Each structure stands twice: as C-alpha cells, then as structure tokens.
Amino acid sequence: MPMFWPDFWQAVEGLDCKVIVAYQRCLTFYWFHTGCAGLPDDDERLRGICRLDNDEWADWKKILFSKDNDGFWFIKGGKWHNKRAIEVWNISLVHMNMMHDRAINGANARWKNK
C-alpha cells in the first residue's frame, strides 16, 4: 500500500495521536483485508479495527466516520470507503496486471524454444 506521507500528515494535522493511529489502522485494514471493497458500517467492528476503547469511540467516530462529513470516509452501498485509497488501489491494479503480463510474456519468450 503506497503512502503519500506529506498528504497524510496534512490531512490529520491537529488531530489527537490516537485518532491518527485509528485512521492508519482503518486504511491498512481497508487496503489489505478488504481490497478497498469497504469497511463495515458496524460500530463494534469499526471500533475493533480502530482499537479504540468504548469511552473514546463516540468522540473519535464523529471525526473518522461521519455520514454528514466530507472527511476521511464516505458511505456507499452500506460500507465505508476512502476516496484516495480507491484511486491508488485502481492504479496499483493496473500496474500489477501490467507487470504480470510482462512476466508471462518474458517467461513464454524464454522457454518457448527450449
């Protein structure tokens, strides 16, 4: 998962360290566990992904997952999504498929006459 650190730090400027880590955990889970297919719209599941305590969750949820907010996540099809992660995921898939095709073509060219 590529990270664009200057953009990330600008986006989270002024936030508590706990919410920054929670956001990082959500991005990582979103990318590696769901393939950018969406985080569940379920408080307990999201709280677990964020690893936040029950007493912290209500405050931090408003920052990370607000249905009225144009912030970090948006809801679509009953799941939470991150615009930037989806864009980078799609670019990564194109690149990965291109590299896969090159590898197949290279192997075929090398071993075809042997």
PDB file of N, CA and C in Angstrom:
ATOM      1  N   MET A   1       0.845  -1.169   0.000  1.00  0.00           N
ATOM      2  CA  MET A   1       0.000   0.000   0.000  1.00  0.00           C
ATOM      3  C   MET A   1       0.893   1.236   0.000  1.00  0.00           C
ATOM      4  N   PRO A   2       0.895   1.971  -1.077  1.00  0.00           N
ATOM      5  CA  PRO A   2       1.685   3.200  -1.090  1.00  0.00           C
ATOM      6  C   PRO A   2       1.099   4.243  -0.137  1.00  0.00           C
ATOM      7  N   MET A   3       1.968   4.944   0.548  1.00  0.00           N
ATOM      8  CA  MET A   3       1.515   6.031   1.415  1.00  0.00           C
ATOM      9  C   MET A   3       2.123   7.328   0.911  1.00  0.00           C
ATOM     10  N   PHE A   4       1.314   8.325   0.845  1.00  0.00           N
ATOM     11  CA  PHE A   4       1.740   9.650   0.438  1.00  0.00           C
ATOM     12  C   PHE A   4       1.811  10.486   1.713  1.00  0.00           C
ATOM     13  N   TRP A   5       2.944  10.353   2.392  1.00  0.00           N
ATOM     14  CA  TRP A   5       3.077  10.883   3.739  1.00  0.00           C
ATOM     15  C   TRP A   5       2.812  12.379   3.859  1.00  0.00           C
ATOM     16  N   PRO A   6       3.326  13.218   2.986  1.00  0.00           N
ATOM     17  CA  PRO A   6       3.008  14.656   3.166  1.00  0.00           C
ATOM     18  C   PRO A   6       1.501  14.928   3.119  1.00  0.00           C
ATOM     19  N   ASP A   7       0.792  14.265   2.210  1.00  0.00           N
ATOM     20  CA  ASP A   7      -0.662  14.432   2.132  1.00  0.00           C
ATOM     21  C   ASP A   7      -1.347  13.895   3.383  1.00  0.00           C
ATOM     22  N   PHE A   8      -0.863  12.739   3.854  1.00  0.00           N
ATOM     23  CA  PHE A   8      -1.445  12.141   5.051  1.00  0.00           C
ATOM     24  C   PHE A   8      -1.298  13.075   6.247  1.00  0.00           C
ATOM     25  N   TRP A   9      -0.077  13.556   6.482  1.00  0.00           N
ATOM     26  CA  TRP A   9       0.155  14.409   7.652  1.00  0.00           C
ATOM     27  C   TRP A   9      -0.610  15.717   7.545  1.00  0.00           C
ATOM     28  N   GLN A  10      -0.775  16.222   6.340  1.00  0.00           N
ATOM     29  CA  GLN A  10      -1.579  17.437   6.172  1.00  0.00           C
ATOM     30  C   GLN A  10      -3.041  17.161   6.519  1.00  0.00           C
ATOM     31  N   ALA A  11      -3.544  16.000   6.125  1.00  0.00           N
ATOM     32  CA  ALA A  11      -4.947  15.656   6.384  1.00  0.00           C
ATOM     33  C   ALA A  11      -5.245  15.477   7.866  1.00  0.00           C
ATOM     34  N   VAL A  12      -4.263  14.994   8.628  1.00  0.00           N
ATOM     35  CA  VAL A  12      -4.514  14.703  10.043  1.00  0.00           C
ATOM     36  C   VAL A  12      -3.940  15.769  10.977  1.00  0.00           C
ATOM     37  N   GLU A  13      -3.454  16.852  10.402  1.00  0.00           N
ATOM     38  CA  GLU A  13      -2.857  17.937  11.205  1.00  0.00           C
ATOM     39  C   GLU A  13      -3.818  18.378  12.309  1.00  0.00           C
ATOM     40  N   GLY A  14      -3.305  18.429  13.513  1.00  0.00           N
ATOM     41  CA  GLY A  14      -4.082  18.914  14.648  1.00  0.00           C
ATOM     42  C   GLY A  14      -4.921  17.858  15.345  1.00  0.00           C
ATOM     43  N   LEU A  15      -4.944  16.642  14.812  1.00  0.00           N
ATOM     44  CA  LEU A  15      -5.734  15.588  15.450  1.00  0.00           C
ATOM     45  C   LEU A  15      -4.926  14.903  16.550  1.00  0.00           C
ATOM     46  N   ASP A  16      -5.623  14.347  17.503  1.00  0.00           N
ATOM     47  CA  ASP A  16      -5.017  13.573  18.571  1.00  0.00           C
ATOM     48  C   ASP A  16      -4.298  12.354  17.974  1.00  0.00           C
ATOM     49  N   CYS A  17      -3.194  11.974  18.591  1.00  0.00           N
ATOM     50  CA  CYS A  17      -2.412  10.829  18.100  1.00  0.00           C
ATOM     51  C   CYS A  17      -3.247   9.550  18.015  1.00  0.00           C
ATOM     52  N   LYS A  18      -4.163   9.368  18.954  1.00  0.00           N
ATOM     53  CA  LYS A  18      -4.987   8.154  18.933  1.00  0.00           C
ATOM     54  C   LYS A  18      -5.870   8.080  17.693  1.00  0.00           C
ATOM     55  N   VAL A  19      -6.436   9.205  17.271  1.00  0.00           N
ATOM     56  CA  VAL A  19      -7.293   9.192  16.093  1.00  0.00           C
ATOM     57  C   VAL A  19      -6.453   9.041  14.823  1.00  0.00           C
ATOM     58  N   ILE A  20      -5.229   9.546  14.846  1.00  0.00           N
ATOM     59  CA  ILE A  20      -4.340   9.374  13.697  1.00  0.00           C
ATOM     60  C   ILE A  20      -4.008   7.896  13.518  1.00  0.00           C
ATOM     61  N   VAL A  21      -3.671   7.223  14.600  1.00  0.00           N
ATOM     62  CA  VAL A  21      -3.369   5.796  14.532  1.00  0.00           C
ATOM     63  C   VAL A  21      -4.616   5.007  14.138  1.00  0.00           C
ATOM     64  N   ALA A  22      -5.762   5.395  14.657  1.00  0.00           N
ATOM     65  CA  ALA A  22      -7.014   4.722  14.288  1.00  0.00           C
ATOM     66  C   ALA A  22      -7.263   4.855  12.782  1.00  0.00           C
ATOM     67  N   TYR A  23      -7.020   6.022  12.243  1.00  0.00           N
ATOM     68  CA  TYR A  23      -7.177   6.252  10.804  1.00  0.00           C
ATOM     69  C   TYR A  23      -6.199   5.392  10.011  1.00  0.00           C
ATOM     70  N   GLN A  24      -4.950   5.317  10.462  1.00  0.00           N
ATOM     71  CA  GLN A  24      -3.962   4.463   9.796  1.00  0.00           C
ATOM     72  C   GLN A  24      -4.393   2.998   9.828  1.00  0.00           C
ATOM     73  N   ARG A  25      -4.906   2.566  10.962  1.00  0.00           N
ATOM     74  CA  ARG A  25      -5.355   1.170  11.079  1.00  0.00           C
ATOM     75  C   ARG A  25      -6.509   0.891  10.118  1.00  0.00           C
ATOM     76  N   CYS A  26      -7.429   1.857  10.000  1.00  0.00           N
ATOM     77  CA  CYS A  26      -8.553   1.695   9.077  1.00  0.00           C
ATOM     78  C   CYS A  26      -8.075   1.621   7.632  1.00  0.00           C
ATOM     79  N   LEU A  27      -7.157   2.500   7.266  1.00  0.00           N
ATOM     80  CA  LEU A  27      -6.615   2.477   5.904  1.00  0.00           C
ATOM     81  C   LEU A  27      -5.936   1.146   5.607  1.00  0.00           C
ATOM     82  N   THR A  28      -5.151   0.660   6.557  1.00  0.00           N
ATOM     83  CA  THR A  28      -4.448  -0.610   6.376  1.00  0.00           C
ATOM     84  C   THR A  28      -5.431  -1.769   6.247  1.00  0.00           C
ATOM     85  N   PHE A  29      -6.428  -1.810   7.107  1.00  0.00           N
ATOM     86  CA  PHE A  29      -7.439  -2.866   7.043  1.00  0.00           C
ATOM     87  C   PHE A  29      -8.196  -2.778   5.717  1.00  0.00           C
ATOM     88  N   TYR A  30      -8.567  -1.589   5.343  1.00  0.00           N
ATOM     89  CA  TYR A  30      -9.306  -1.340   4.098  1.00  0.00           C
ATOM     90  C   TYR A  30      -8.525  -1.864   2.901  1.00  0.00           C
ATOM     91  N   TRP A  31      -7.236  -1.599   2.861  1.00  0.00           N
ATOM     92  CA  TRP A  31      -6.402  -1.990   1.725  1.00  0.00           C
ATOM     93  C   TRP A  31      -6.109  -3.488   1.731  1.00  0.00           C
ATOM     94  N   PHE A  32      -5.578  -3.998   2.852  1.00  0.00           N
ATOM     95  CA  PHE A  32      -5.078  -5.368   2.880  1.00  0.00           C
ATOM     96  C   PHE A  32      -6.133  -6.426   3.159  1.00  0.00           C
ATOM     97  N   HIS A  33      -7.165  -6.089   3.903  1.00  0.00           N
ATOM     98  CA  HIS A  33      -8.158  -7.100   4.261  1.00  0.00           C
ATOM     99  C   HIS A  33      -9.400  -7.062   3.381  1.00  0.00           C
ATOM    100  N   THR A  34      -9.737  -5.899   2.831  1.00  0.00           N
ATOM    101  CA  THR A  34     -10.951  -5.837   2.016  1.00  0.00           C
ATOM    102  C   THR A  34     -10.655  -5.562   0.549  1.00  0.00           C
ATOM    103  N   GLY A  35      -9.406  -5.259   0.212  1.00  0.00           N
ATOM    104  CA  GLY A  35      -9.082  -4.904  -1.164  1.00  0.00           C
ATOM    105  C   GLY A  35      -9.848  -3.669  -1.607  1.00  0.00           C
ATOM    106  N   CYS A  36     -10.001  -2.729  -0.692  1.00  0.00           N
ATOM    107  CA  CYS A  36     -10.735  -1.475  -0.907  1.00  0.00           C
ATOM    108  C   CYS A  36     -12.205  -1.712  -1.263  1.00  0.00           C
ATOM    109  N   ALA A  37     -12.756  -2.824  -0.771  1.00  0.00           N
ATOM    110  CA  ALA A  37     -14.172  -3.129  -1.011  1.00  0.00           C
ATOM    111  C   ALA A  37     -15.076  -2.497   0.035  1.00  0.00           C
ATOM    112  N   GLY A  38     -14.498  -1.919   1.081  1.00  0.00           N
ATOM    113  CA  GLY A  38     -15.308  -1.206   2.062  1.00  0.00           C
ATOM    114  C   GLY A  38     -15.168  -1.736   3.473  1.00  0.00           C
ATOM    115  N   LEU A  39     -15.247  -0.818   4.421  1.00  0.00           N
ATOM    116  CA  LEU A  39     -15.287  -1.179   5.835  1.00  0.00           C
ATOM    117  C   LEU A  39     -16.745  -1.327   6.247  1.00  0.00           C
ATOM    118  N   PRO A  40     -17.022  -2.241   7.169  1.00  0.00           N
ATOM    119  CA  PRO A  40     -18.419  -2.457   7.576  1.00  0.00           C
ATOM    120  C   PRO A  40     -18.997  -1.241   8.291  1.00  0.00           C
ATOM    121  N   ASP A  41     -20.266  -0.989   8.053  1.00  0.00           N
ATOM    122  CA  ASP A  41     -20.962   0.088   8.757  1.00  0.00           C
ATOM    123  C   ASP A  41     -21.514  -0.477  10.057  1.00  0.00           C
ATOM    124  N   ASP A  42     -20.609  -0.851  10.932  1.00  0.00           N
ATOM    125  CA  ASP A  42     -20.944  -1.503  12.187  1.00  0.00           C
ATOM    126  C   ASP A  42     -20.020  -0.933  13.266  1.00  0.00           C
ATOM    127  N   ASP A  43     -20.601  -0.260  14.250  1.00  0.00           N
ATOM    128  CA  ASP A  43     -19.803   0.423  15.266  1.00  0.00           C
ATOM    129  C   ASP A  43     -18.804  -0.485  15.970  1.00  0.00           C
ATOM    130  N   GLU A  44     -19.233  -1.646  16.398  1.00  0.00           N
ATOM    131  CA  GLU A  44     -18.339  -2.533  17.140  1.00  0.00           C
ATOM    132  C   GLU A  44     -17.189  -3.015  16.274  1.00  0.00           C
ATOM    133  N   ARG A  45     -17.482  -3.348  15.040  1.00  0.00           N
ATOM    134  CA  ARG A  45     -16.432  -3.797  14.120  1.00  0.00           C
ATOM    135  C   ARG A  45     -15.451  -2.671  13.827  1.00  0.00           C
ATOM    136  N   LEU A  46     -15.957  -1.474  13.545  1.00  0.00           N
ATOM    137  CA  LEU A  46     -15.085  -0.330  13.289  1.00  0.00           C
ATOM    138  C   LEU A  46     -14.256   0.024  14.517  1.00  0.00           C
ATOM    139  N   ARG A  47     -14.883   0.007  15.676  1.00  0.00           N
ATOM    140  CA  ARG A  47     -14.163   0.302  16.913  1.00  0.00           C
ATOM    141  C   ARG A  47     -13.031  -0.697  17.118  1.00  0.00           C
ATOM    142  N   GLY A  48     -13.301  -1.966  16.790  1.00  0.00           N
ATOM    143  CA  GLY A  48     -12.269  -3.003  16.900  1.00  0.00           C
ATOM    144  C   GLY A  48     -11.129  -2.779  15.917  1.00  0.00           C
ATOM    145  N   ILE A  49     -11.453  -2.399  14.699  1.00  0.00           N
ATOM    146  CA  ILE A  49     -10.418  -2.112  13.705  1.00  0.00           C
ATOM    147  C   ILE A  49      -9.559  -0.939  14.171  1.00  0.00           C
ATOM    148  N   CYS A  50     -10.218   0.077  14.719  1.00  0.00           N
ATOM    149  CA  CYS A  50      -9.511   1.271  15.203  1.00  0.00           C
ATOM    150  C   CYS A  50      -8.756   1.012  16.509  1.00  0.00           C
ATOM    151  N   ARG A  51      -9.153  -0.040  17.227  1.00  0.00           N
ATOM    152  CA  ARG A  51      -8.600  -0.371  18.536  1.00  0.00           C
ATOM    153  C   ARG A  51      -8.769   0.771  19.531  1.00  0.00           C
ATOM    154  N   LEU A  52      -9.996   1.298  19.554  1.00  0.00           N
ATOM    155  CA  LEU A  52     -10.323   2.357  20.498  1.00  0.00           C
ATOM    156  C   LEU A  52     -11.221   1.800  21.600  1.00  0.00           C
ATOM    157  N   ASP A  53     -11.095   2.358  22.784  1.00  0.00           N
ATOM    158  CA  ASP A  53     -11.930   1.949  23.913  1.00  0.00           C
ATOM    159  C   ASP A  53     -13.355   2.447  23.707  1.00  0.00           C
ATOM    160  N   ASN A  54     -14.299   1.793  24.390  1.00  0.00           N
ATOM    161  CA  ASN A  54     -15.704   2.194  24.299  1.00  0.00           C
ATOM    162  C   ASN A  54     -15.910   3.663  24.637  1.00  0.00           C
ATOM    163  N   ASP A  55     -15.225   4.136  25.691  1.00  0.00           N
ATOM    164  CA  ASP A  55     -15.433   5.524  26.113  1.00  0.00           C
ATOM    165  C   ASP A  55     -14.833   6.537  25.139  1.00  0.00           C
ATOM    166  N   GLU A  56     -13.908   6.130  24.300  1.00  0.00           N
ATOM    167  CA  GLU A  56     -13.306   7.019  23.302  1.00  0.00           C
ATOM    168  C   GLU A  56     -14.068   7.005  21.976  1.00  0.00           C
ATOM    169  N   TRP A  57     -14.734   5.913  21.703  1.00  0.00           N
ATOM    170  CA  TRP A  57     -15.286   5.667  20.380  1.00  0.00           C
ATOM    171  C   TRP A  57     -16.243   6.759  19.888  1.00  0.00           C
ATOM    172  N   ALA A  58     -17.175   7.184  20.712  1.00  0.00           N
ATOM    173  CA  ALA A  58     -18.182   8.159  20.262  1.00  0.00           C
ATOM    174  C   ALA A  58     -17.533   9.443  19.747  1.00  0.00           C
ATOM    175  N   ASP A  59     -16.524   9.935  20.457  1.00  0.00           N
ATOM    176  CA  ASP A  59     -15.863  11.172  20.035  1.00  0.00           C
ATOM    177  C   ASP A  59     -15.053  10.986  18.758  1.00  0.00           C
ATOM    178  N   TRP A  60     -14.287   9.918  18.689  1.00  0.00           N
ATOM    179  CA  TRP A  60     -13.428   9.704  17.526  1.00  0.00           C
ATOM    180  C   TRP A  60     -14.219   9.278  16.300  1.00  0.00           C
ATOM    181  N   LYS A  61     -15.320   8.579  16.507  1.00  0.00           N
ATOM    182  CA  LYS A  61     -16.154   8.176  15.369  1.00  0.00           C
ATOM    183  C   LYS A  61     -16.663   9.404  14.615  1.00  0.00           C
ATOM    184  N   LYS A  62     -17.015  10.445  15.340  1.00  0.00           N
ATOM    185  CA  LYS A  62     -17.513  11.671  14.696  1.00  0.00           C
ATOM    186  C   LYS A  62     -16.467  12.267  13.754  1.00  0.00           C
ATOM    187  N   ILE A  63     -15.208  12.100  14.071  1.00  0.00           N
ATOM    188  CA  ILE A  63     -14.134  12.635  13.231  1.00  0.00           C
ATOM    189  C   ILE A  63     -13.870  11.711  12.045  1.00  0.00           C
ATOM    190  N   LEU A  64     -13.801  10.427  12.295  1.00  0.00           N
ATOM    191  CA  LEU A  64     -13.438   9.468  11.242  1.00  0.00           C
ATOM    192  C   LEU A  64     -14.609   9.074  10.356  1.00  0.00           C
ATOM    193  N   PHE A  65     -15.748   8.776  10.956  1.00  0.00           N
ATOM    194  CA  PHE A  65     -16.879   8.200  10.230  1.00  0.00           C
ATOM    195  C   PHE A  65     -18.151   8.992  10.451  1.00  0.00           C
ATOM    196  N   SER A  66     -18.239  10.127   9.850  1.00  0.00           N
ATOM    197  CA  SER A  66     -19.436  10.947   9.961  1.00  0.00           C
ATOM    198  C   SER A  66     -20.175  10.933   8.628  1.00  0.00           C
ATOM    199  N   LYS A  67     -21.420  10.503   8.644  1.00  0.00           N
ATOM    200  CA  LYS A  67     -22.205  10.449   7.405  1.00  0.00           C
ATOM    201  C   LYS A  67     -22.514  11.836   6.863  1.00  0.00           C
ATOM    202  N   ASP A  68     -22.382  12.854   7.701  1.00  0.00           N
ATOM    203  CA  ASP A  68     -22.614  14.234   7.267  1.00  0.00           C
ATOM    204  C   ASP A  68     -21.309  14.952   6.936  1.00  0.00           C
ATOM    205  N   ASN A  69     -20.206  14.219   6.944  1.00  0.00           N
ATOM    206  CA  ASN A  69     -18.886  14.821   6.842  1.00  0.00           C
ATOM    207  C   ASN A  69     -18.247  14.455   5.503  1.00  0.00           C
ATOM    208  N   ASP A  70     -17.550  15.391   4.922  1.00  0.00           N
ATOM    209  CA  ASP A  70     -16.772  15.136   3.721  1.00  0.00           C
ATOM    210  C   ASP A  70     -15.338  14.794   4.103  1.00  0.00           C
ATOM    211  N   GLY A  71     -15.155  14.110   5.184  1.00  0.00           N
ATOM    212  CA  GLY A  71     -13.829  13.877   5.734  1.00  0.00           C
ATOM    213  C   GLY A  71     -13.131  12.650   5.206  1.00  0.00           C
ATOM    214  N   PHE A  72     -12.700  11.822   6.118  1.00  0.00           N
ATOM    215  CA  PHE A  72     -11.843  10.700   5.786  1.00  0.00           C
ATOM    216  C   PHE A  72     -12.559   9.577   5.041  1.00  0.00           C
ATOM    217  N   TRP A  73     -13.767   9.275   5.435  1.00  0.00           N
ATOM    218  CA  TRP A  73     -14.503   8.138   4.876  1.00  0.00           C
ATOM    219  C   TRP A  73     -15.883   8.587   4.412  1.00  0.00           C
ATOM    220  N   PHE A  74     -16.391   7.919   3.382  1.00  0.00           N
ATOM    221  CA  PHE A  74     -17.762   8.167   2.934  1.00  0.00           C
ATOM    222  C   PHE A  74     -18.470   6.820   2.822  1.00  0.00           C
ATOM    223  N   ILE A  75     -19.781   6.856   2.957  1.00  0.00           N
ATOM    224  CA  ILE A  75     -20.569   5.620   2.917  1.00  0.00           C
ATOM    225  C   ILE A  75     -21.145   5.429   1.526  1.00  0.00           C
ATOM    226  N   LYS A  76     -21.011   4.213   1.022  1.00  0.00           N
ATOM    227  CA  LYS A  76     -21.566   3.856  -0.282  1.00  0.00           C
ATOM    228  C   LYS A  76     -21.886   2.368  -0.254  1.00  0.00           C
ATOM    229  N   GLY A  77     -23.107   2.047  -0.619  1.00  0.00           N
ATOM    230  CA  GLY A  77     -23.503   0.641  -0.620  1.00  0.00           C
ATOM    231  C   GLY A  77     -23.430  -0.014   0.746  1.00  0.00           C
ATOM    232  N   GLY A  78     -23.658   0.777   1.787  1.00  0.00           N
ATOM    233  CA  GLY A  78     -23.653   0.227   3.144  1.00  0.00           C
ATOM    234  C   GLY A  78     -22.268  -0.006   3.718  1.00  0.00           C
ATOM    235  N   LYS A  79     -21.225   0.466   3.039  1.00  0.00           N
ATOM    236  CA  LYS A  79     -19.855   0.305   3.526  1.00  0.00           C
ATOM    237  C   LYS A  79     -19.125   1.640   3.464  1.00  0.00           C
ATOM    238  N   TRP A  80     -18.127   1.773   4.314  1.00  0.00           N
ATOM    239  CA  TRP A  80     -17.310   2.978   4.360  1.00  0.00           C
ATOM    240  C   TRP A  80     -16.167   2.861   3.376  1.00  0.00           C
ATOM    241  N   HIS A  81     -15.903   3.939   2.639  1.00  0.00           N
ATOM    242  CA  HIS A  81     -14.846   3.960   1.632  1.00  0.00           C
ATOM    243  C   HIS A  81     -13.984   5.211   1.796  1.00  0.00           C
ATOM    244  N   ASN A  82     -12.778   5.134   1.261  1.00  0.00           N
ATOM    245  CA  ASN A  82     -11.847   6.252   1.275  1.00  0.00           C
ATOM    246  C   ASN A  82     -11.472   6.573  -0.164  1.00  0.00           C
ATOM    247  N   LYS A  83     -11.769   7.785  -0.596  1.00  0.00           N
ATOM    248  CA  LYS A  83     -11.594   8.184  -1.995  1.00  0.00           C
ATOM    249  C   LYS A  83     -10.150   7.997  -2.477  1.00  0.00           C
ATOM    250  N   ARG A  84      -9.207   8.491  -1.722  1.00  0.00           N
ATOM    251  CA  ARG A  84      -7.802   8.409  -2.160  1.00  0.00           C
ATOM    252  C   ARG A  84      -7.333   6.965  -2.243  1.00  0.00           C
ATOM    253  N   ALA A  85      -7.703   6.150  -1.275  1.00  0.00           N
ATOM    254  CA  ALA A  85      -7.282   4.750  -1.282  1.00  0.00           C
ATOM    255  C   ALA A  85      -7.847   4.022  -2.502  1.00  0.00           C
ATOM    256  N   ILE A  86      -9.092   4.300  -2.870  1.00  0.00           N
ATOM    257  CA  ILE A  86      -9.683   3.661  -4.047  1.00  0.00           C
ATOM    258  C   ILE A  86      -8.906   4.058  -5.304  1.00  0.00           C
ATOM    259  N   GLU A  87      -8.578   5.333  -5.425  1.00  0.00           N
ATOM    260  CA  GLU A  87      -7.828   5.799  -6.598  1.00  0.00           C
ATOM    261  C   GLU A  87      -6.474   5.107  -6.691  1.00  0.00           C
ATOM    262  N   VAL A  88      -5.760   5.036  -5.575  1.00  0.00           N
ATOM    263  CA  VAL A  88      -4.442   4.407  -5.566  1.00  0.00           C
ATOM    264  C   VAL A  88      -4.566   2.904  -5.799  1.00  0.00           C
ATOM    265  N   TRP A  89      -5.596   2.282  -5.239  1.00  0.00           N
ATOM    266  CA  TRP A  89      -5.839   0.846  -5.441  1.00  0.00           C
ATOM    267  C   TRP A  89      -6.013   0.552  -6.932  1.00  0.00           C
ATOM    268  N   ASN A  90      -6.831   1.340  -7.610  1.00  0.00           N
ATOM    269  CA  ASN A  90      -7.082   1.113  -9.038  1.00  0.00           C
ATOM    270  C   ASN A  90      -5.818   1.304  -9.872  1.00  0.00           C
ATOM    271  N   ILE A  91      -5.007   2.299  -9.542  1.00  0.00           N
ATOM    272  CA  ILE A  91      -3.739   2.494 -10.238  1.00  0.00           C
ATOM    273  C   ILE A  91      -2.815   1.308  -9.976  1.00  0.00           C
ATOM    274  N   SER A  92      -2.788   0.831  -8.744  1.00  0.00           N
ATOM    275  CA  SER A  92      -1.945  -0.311  -8.385  1.00  0.00           C
ATOM    276  C   SER A  92      -2.360  -1.570  -9.130  1.00  0.00           C
ATOM    277  N   LEU A  93      -3.670  -1.770  -9.294  1.00  0.00           N
ATOM    278  CA  LEU A  93      -4.140  -2.948 -10.039  1.00  0.00           C
ATOM    279  C   LEU A  93      -3.690  -2.906 -11.488  1.00  0.00           C
ATOM    280  N   VAL A  94      -3.772  -1.733 -12.102  1.00  0.00           N
ATOM    281  CA  VAL A  94      -3.313  -1.586 -13.487  1.00  0.00           C
ATOM    282  C   VAL A  94      -1.825  -1.924 -13.577  1.00  0.00           C
ATOM    283  N   HIS A  95      -1.039  -1.377 -12.661  1.00  0.00           N
ATOM    284  CA  HIS A  95       0.401  -1.627 -12.652  1.00  0.00           C
ATOM    285  C   HIS A  95       0.700  -3.106 -12.402  1.00  0.00           C
ATOM    286  N   MET A  96       0.019  -3.707 -11.430  1.00  0.00           N
ATOM    287  CA  MET A  96       0.246  -5.116 -11.114  1.00  0.00           C
ATOM    288  C   MET A  96      -0.107  -6.009 -12.304  1.00  0.00           C
ATOM    289  N   ASN A  97      -1.219  -5.726 -12.961  1.00  0.00           N
ATOM    290  CA  ASN A  97      -1.607  -6.520 -14.125  1.00  0.00           C
ATOM    291  C   ASN A  97      -0.609  -6.359 -15.270  1.00  0.00           C
ATOM    292  N   MET A  98      -0.095  -5.147 -15.453  1.00  0.00           N
ATOM    293  CA  MET A  98       0.906  -4.903 -16.479  1.00  0.00           C
ATOM    294  C   MET A  98       2.179  -5.706 -16.185  1.00  0.00           C
ATOM    295  N   MET A  99       2.622  -5.689 -14.922  1.00  0.00           N
ATOM    296  CA  MET A  99       3.822  -6.442 -14.547  1.00  0.00           C
ATOM    297  C   MET A  99       3.592  -7.947 -14.675  1.00  0.00           C
ATOM    298  N   HIS A 100       2.407  -8.403 -14.361  1.00  0.00           N
ATOM    299  CA  HIS A 100       2.071  -9.816 -14.518  1.00  0.00           C
ATOM    300  C   HIS A 100       2.162 -10.221 -15.987  1.00  0.00           C
ATOM    301  N   ASP A 101       1.572  -9.407 -16.854  1.00  0.00           N
ATOM    302  CA  ASP A 101       1.607  -9.705 -18.285  1.00  0.00           C
ATOM    303  C   ASP A 101       3.040  -9.707 -18.813  1.00  0.00           C
ATOM    304  N   ARG A 102       3.845  -8.776 -18.363  1.00  0.00           N
ATOM    305  CA  ARG A 102       5.255  -8.749 -18.776  1.00  0.00           C
ATOM    306  C   ARG A 102       5.985 -10.014 -18.333  1.00  0.00           C
ATOM    307  N   ALA A 103       5.730 -10.443 -17.121  1.00  0.00           N
ATOM    308  CA  ALA A 103       6.383 -11.651 -16.611  1.00  0.00           C
ATOM    309  C   ALA A 103       5.967 -12.876 -17.420  1.00  0.00           C
ATOM    310  N   ILE A 104       4.699 -12.996 -17.712  1.00  0.00           N
ATOM    311  CA  ILE A 104       4.206 -14.127 -18.519  1.00  0.00           C
ATOM    312  C   ILE A 104       4.831 -14.099 -19.907  1.00  0.00           C
ATOM    313  N   ASN A 105       4.827 -12.933 -20.538  1.00  0.00           N
ATOM    314  CA  ASN A 105       5.406 -12.808 -21.877  1.00  0.00           C
ATOM    315  C   ASN A 105       6.900 -13.103 -21.870  1.00  0.00           C
ATOM    316  N   GLY A 106       7.598 -12.631 -20.860  1.00  0.00           N
ATOM    317  CA  GLY A 106       9.032 -12.904 -20.747  1.00  0.00           C
ATOM    318  C   GLY A 106       9.309 -14.383 -20.561  1.00  0.00           C
ATOM    319  N   ALA A 107       8.537 -15.023 -19.697  1.00  0.00           N
ATOM    320  CA  ALA A 107       8.719 -16.461 -19.476  1.00  0.00           C
ATOM    321  C   ALA A 107       8.399 -17.246 -20.746  1.00  0.00           C
ATOM    322  N   ASN A 108       7.342 -16.869 -21.402  1.00  0.00           N
ATOM    323  CA  ASN A 108       6.991 -17.572 -22.653  1.00  0.00           C
ATOM    324  C   ASN A 108       8.077 -17.400 -23.704  1.00  0.00           C
ATOM    325  N   ALA A 109       8.616 -16.195 -23.838  1.00  0.00           N
ATOM    326  CA  ALA A 109       9.662 -15.937 -24.824  1.00  0.00           C
ATOM    327  C   ALA A 109      10.929 -16.737 -24.474  1.00  0.00           C
ATOM    328  N   ARG A 110      11.246 -16.811 -23.200  1.00  0.00           N
ATOM    329  CA  ARG A 110      12.463 -17.520 -22.784  1.00  0.00           C
ATOM    330  C   ARG A 110      12.345 -19.018 -22.979  1.00  0.00           C
ATOM    331  N   TRP A 111      11.218 -19.597 -22.621  1.00  0.00           N
ATOM    332  CA  TRP A 111      11.096 -21.047 -22.596  1.00  0.00           C
ATOM    333  C   TRP A 111      10.402 -21.636 -23.811  1.00  0.00           C
ATOM    334  N   LYS A 112       9.962 -20.817 -24.727  1.00  0.00           N
ATOM    335  CA  LYS A 112       9.229 -21.299 -25.899  1.00  0.00           C
ATOM    336  C   LYS A 112      10.098 -22.207 -26.769  1.00  0.00           C
ATOM    337  N   ASN A 113      11.370 -21.853 -26.965  1.00  0.00           N
ATOM    338  CA  ASN A 113      12.250 -22.605 -27.856  1.00  0.00           C
ATOM    339  C   ASN A 113      13.071 -23.641 -27.140  1.00  0.00           C
ATOM    340  N   LYS A 114      12.832 -23.887 -25.895  1.00  0.00           N
ATOM    341  CA  LYS A 114      13.653 -24.855 -25.146  1.00  0.00           C
ATOM    342  C   LYS A 114      12.965 -26.179 -25.038  1.00  0.00           C
TER     343      LYS A 114
END
